[in-house]
Every structure is written in C-alpha cells, then in structure tokens.
Amino acid sequence: MSFCNRFLQRRPREDSSITQKAAAHGYNPNLWFNNVEIIASVEIGRQTVDYVRNIYTYYLTYKMVIARQAKSTEVKEKIEANKSSGL
C-alpha cells in the first residue's frame, strides 16, 4: 500500500478515509489492487488509479527484465567456465 500512497500524492488522513471506506465495503484495506483501488476510483477518480496501475506495471516489467538479464549472465558465465575447463 505504501507504494501506491506515494503516487496518490494525498494527505495521510485522506488515504486512511479511503482505506476505511474500503474496509466498510468489505474490501481488504491493506491491498491496493482490486480492493482499495475500487474505492479510490470513486473517491479520487479513475485517472489517478490508472496512473498507479501503469507505474506498477512498468515496475514489474523492469524487475522481470533485470532478473532475466542476471540469469542470462549467469548462464553465459557457466558456459565460459565449462569451455575453459575443457568440458
């Protein structure tokens, strides 16, 4: 939730009222996606909610790219080690 709060750029009191409303509607106030997000879209507006979703999507994409690059480097190093040891 703290990740999303930074992008909402709202005062903590307003954030807590949104999470309280989410809890009152039966949503988990500690989860943004498909929970607080629903109430926030009504209270704040869809544009902010879409912005948070897009930023999070880019974050996950870059995180996966970095993990894949690290794995690729690891495999290349193992291949080079095997070549130099004569395997």
C-alpha atoms as a PDB file:
ATOM      1  CA  MET A   1       0.000   0.000   0.000  1.00  0.00           C
ATOM      2  CA  SER A   2       2.852   2.435   0.707  1.00  0.00           C
ATOM      3  CA  PHE A   3       3.937   2.166  -2.942  1.00  0.00           C
ATOM      4  CA  CYS A   4       0.533   3.343  -4.081  1.00  0.00           C
ATOM      5  CA  ASN A   5       0.294   6.093  -1.465  1.00  0.00           C
ATOM      6  CA  ARG A   6       3.374   7.799  -2.889  1.00  0.00           C
ATOM      7  CA  PHE A   7       1.703   8.085  -6.269  1.00  0.00           C
ATOM      8  CA  LEU A   8      -1.638   9.178  -4.951  1.00  0.00           C
ATOM      9  CA  GLN A   9       0.050  12.293  -3.514  1.00  0.00           C
ATOM     10  CA  ARG A  10      -2.705  12.635  -0.954  1.00  0.00           C
ATOM     11  CA  ARG A  11      -2.624  13.551   2.692  1.00  0.00           C
ATOM     12  CA  PRO A  12      -2.451  10.540   5.049  1.00  0.00           C
ATOM     13  CA  ARG A  13      -5.799  11.484   6.583  1.00  0.00           C
ATOM     14  CA  GLU A  14      -7.464  11.233   3.164  1.00  0.00           C
ATOM     15  CA  ASP A  15      -5.715   7.931   2.477  1.00  0.00           C
ATOM     16  CA  SER A  16      -6.942   6.485   5.738  1.00  0.00           C
ATOM     17  CA  SER A  17     -10.506   7.568   4.964  1.00  0.00           C
ATOM     18  CA  ILE A  18     -10.287   5.729   1.643  1.00  0.00           C
ATOM     19  CA  THR A  19      -8.950   2.596   3.323  1.00  0.00           C
ATOM     20  CA  GLN A  20     -11.653   2.879   5.984  1.00  0.00           C
ATOM     21  CA  LYS A  21     -14.318   3.127   3.277  1.00  0.00           C
ATOM     22  CA  ALA A  22     -12.793   0.104   1.549  1.00  0.00           C
ATOM     23  CA  ALA A  23     -12.992  -1.882   4.778  1.00  0.00           C
ATOM     24  CA  ALA A  24     -16.589  -0.747   5.301  1.00  0.00           C
ATOM     25  CA  HIS A  25     -17.458  -2.080   1.842  1.00  0.00           C
ATOM     26  CA  GLY A  26     -15.870  -5.446   2.594  1.00  0.00           C
ATOM     27  CA  TYR A  27     -12.567  -4.901   0.801  1.00  0.00           C
ATOM     28  CA  ASN A  28      -9.145  -5.531   2.314  1.00  0.00           C
ATOM     29  CA  PRO A  29      -7.838  -2.084   3.362  1.00  0.00           C
ATOM     30  CA  ASN A  30      -4.224  -3.321   3.147  1.00  0.00           C
ATOM     31  CA  LEU A  31      -4.365  -4.343  -0.511  1.00  0.00           C
ATOM     32  CA  TRP A  32      -4.460  -1.794  -3.295  1.00  0.00           C
ATOM     33  CA  PHE A  33      -5.346  -3.783  -6.406  1.00  0.00           C
ATOM     34  CA  ASN A  34      -8.976  -4.916  -6.626  1.00  0.00           C
ATOM     35  CA  ASN A  35      -9.580  -3.622  -3.090  1.00  0.00           C
ATOM     36  CA  VAL A  36      -8.752  -0.030  -2.113  1.00  0.00           C
ATOM     37  CA  GLU A  37      -8.338   0.737  -5.809  1.00  0.00           C
ATOM     38  CA  ILE A  38     -12.084   0.335  -6.334  1.00  0.00           C
ATOM     39  CA  ILE A  39     -12.985   2.866  -3.653  1.00  0.00           C
ATOM     40  CA  ALA A  40     -10.186   5.211  -4.753  1.00  0.00           C
ATOM     41  CA  SER A  41     -11.510   5.276  -8.307  1.00  0.00           C
ATOM     42  CA  VAL A  42     -14.833   6.548  -6.985  1.00  0.00           C
ATOM     43  CA  GLU A  43     -13.375   8.969  -4.421  1.00  0.00           C
ATOM     44  CA  ILE A  44     -10.320  10.304  -6.283  1.00  0.00           C
ATOM     45  CA  GLY A  45     -11.045   9.498  -9.887  1.00  0.00           C
ATOM     46  CA  ARG A  46     -10.059   6.911 -12.427  1.00  0.00           C
ATOM     47  CA  GLN A  47      -7.100   8.883 -13.788  1.00  0.00           C
ATOM     48  CA  THR A  48      -5.066   8.566 -10.578  1.00  0.00           C
ATOM     49  CA  VAL A  49      -5.941   4.886 -10.210  1.00  0.00           C
ATOM     50  CA  ASP A  50      -4.880   4.215 -13.818  1.00  0.00           C
ATOM     51  CA  TYR A  51      -1.644   6.107 -13.216  1.00  0.00           C
ATOM     52  CA  VAL A  52      -0.798   3.958 -10.190  1.00  0.00           C
ATOM     53  CA  ARG A  53      -1.603   0.782 -12.143  1.00  0.00           C
ATOM     54  CA  ASN A  54       0.611   1.856 -15.052  1.00  0.00           C
ATOM     55  CA  ILE A  55       3.542   2.750 -12.801  1.00  0.00           C
ATOM     56  CA  TYR A  56       3.252  -0.597 -11.014  1.00  0.00           C
ATOM     57  CA  THR A  57       3.097  -2.432 -14.355  1.00  0.00           C
ATOM     58  CA  TYR A  58       6.292  -0.720 -15.516  1.00  0.00           C
ATOM     59  CA  TYR A  59       7.950  -1.521 -12.181  1.00  0.00           C
ATOM     60  CA  LEU A  60       7.129  -5.220 -12.527  1.00  0.00           C
ATOM     61  CA  THR A  61       8.253  -5.271 -16.156  1.00  0.00           C
ATOM     62  CA  TYR A  62      11.634  -3.724 -15.357  1.00  0.00           C
ATOM     63  CA  LYS A  63      12.051  -6.031 -12.379  1.00  0.00           C
ATOM     64  CA  MET A  64      11.483  -9.076 -14.612  1.00  0.00           C
ATOM     65  CA  VAL A  65      13.871  -7.753 -17.277  1.00  0.00           C
ATOM     66  CA  ILE A  66      16.621  -7.276 -14.703  1.00  0.00           C
ATOM     67  CA  ALA A  67      16.057 -10.778 -13.301  1.00  0.00           C
ATOM     68  CA  ARG A  68      16.193 -12.261 -16.798  1.00  0.00           C
ATOM     69  CA  GLN A  69      19.406 -10.388 -17.605  1.00  0.00           C
ATOM     70  CA  ALA A  70      21.002 -11.644 -14.399  1.00  0.00           C
ATOM     71  CA  LYS A  71      20.013 -15.225 -15.240  1.00  0.00           C
ATOM     72  CA  SER A  72      21.362 -14.837 -18.775  1.00  0.00           C
ATOM     73  CA  THR A  73      24.680 -13.540 -17.449  1.00  0.00           C
ATOM     74  CA  GLU A  74      24.859 -16.435 -15.004  1.00  0.00           C
ATOM     75  CA  VAL A  75      24.282 -18.985 -17.778  1.00  0.00           C
ATOM     76  CA  LYS A  76      26.892 -17.333 -20.020  1.00  0.00           C
ATOM     77  CA  GLU A  77      29.445 -17.433 -17.206  1.00  0.00           C
ATOM     78  CA  LYS A  78      28.775 -21.143 -16.623  1.00  0.00           C
ATOM     79  CA  ILE A  79      29.218 -21.874 -20.341  1.00  0.00           C
ATOM     80  CA  GLU A  80      32.510 -19.965 -20.403  1.00  0.00           C
ATOM     81  CA  ALA A  81      33.693 -21.783 -17.269  1.00  0.00           C
ATOM     82  CA  ASN A  82      32.877 -25.138 -18.851  1.00  0.00           C
ATOM     83  CA  LYS A  83      34.699 -24.206 -22.069  1.00  0.00           C
ATOM     84  CA  SER A  84      37.816 -23.142 -20.218  1.00  0.00           C
ATOM     85  CA  SER A  85      37.840 -26.307 -18.084  1.00  0.00           C
ATOM     86  CA  GLY A  86      37.637 -28.448 -21.211  1.00  0.00           C
ATOM     87  CA  LEU A  87      34.137 -29.869 -20.730  1.00  0.00           C
END
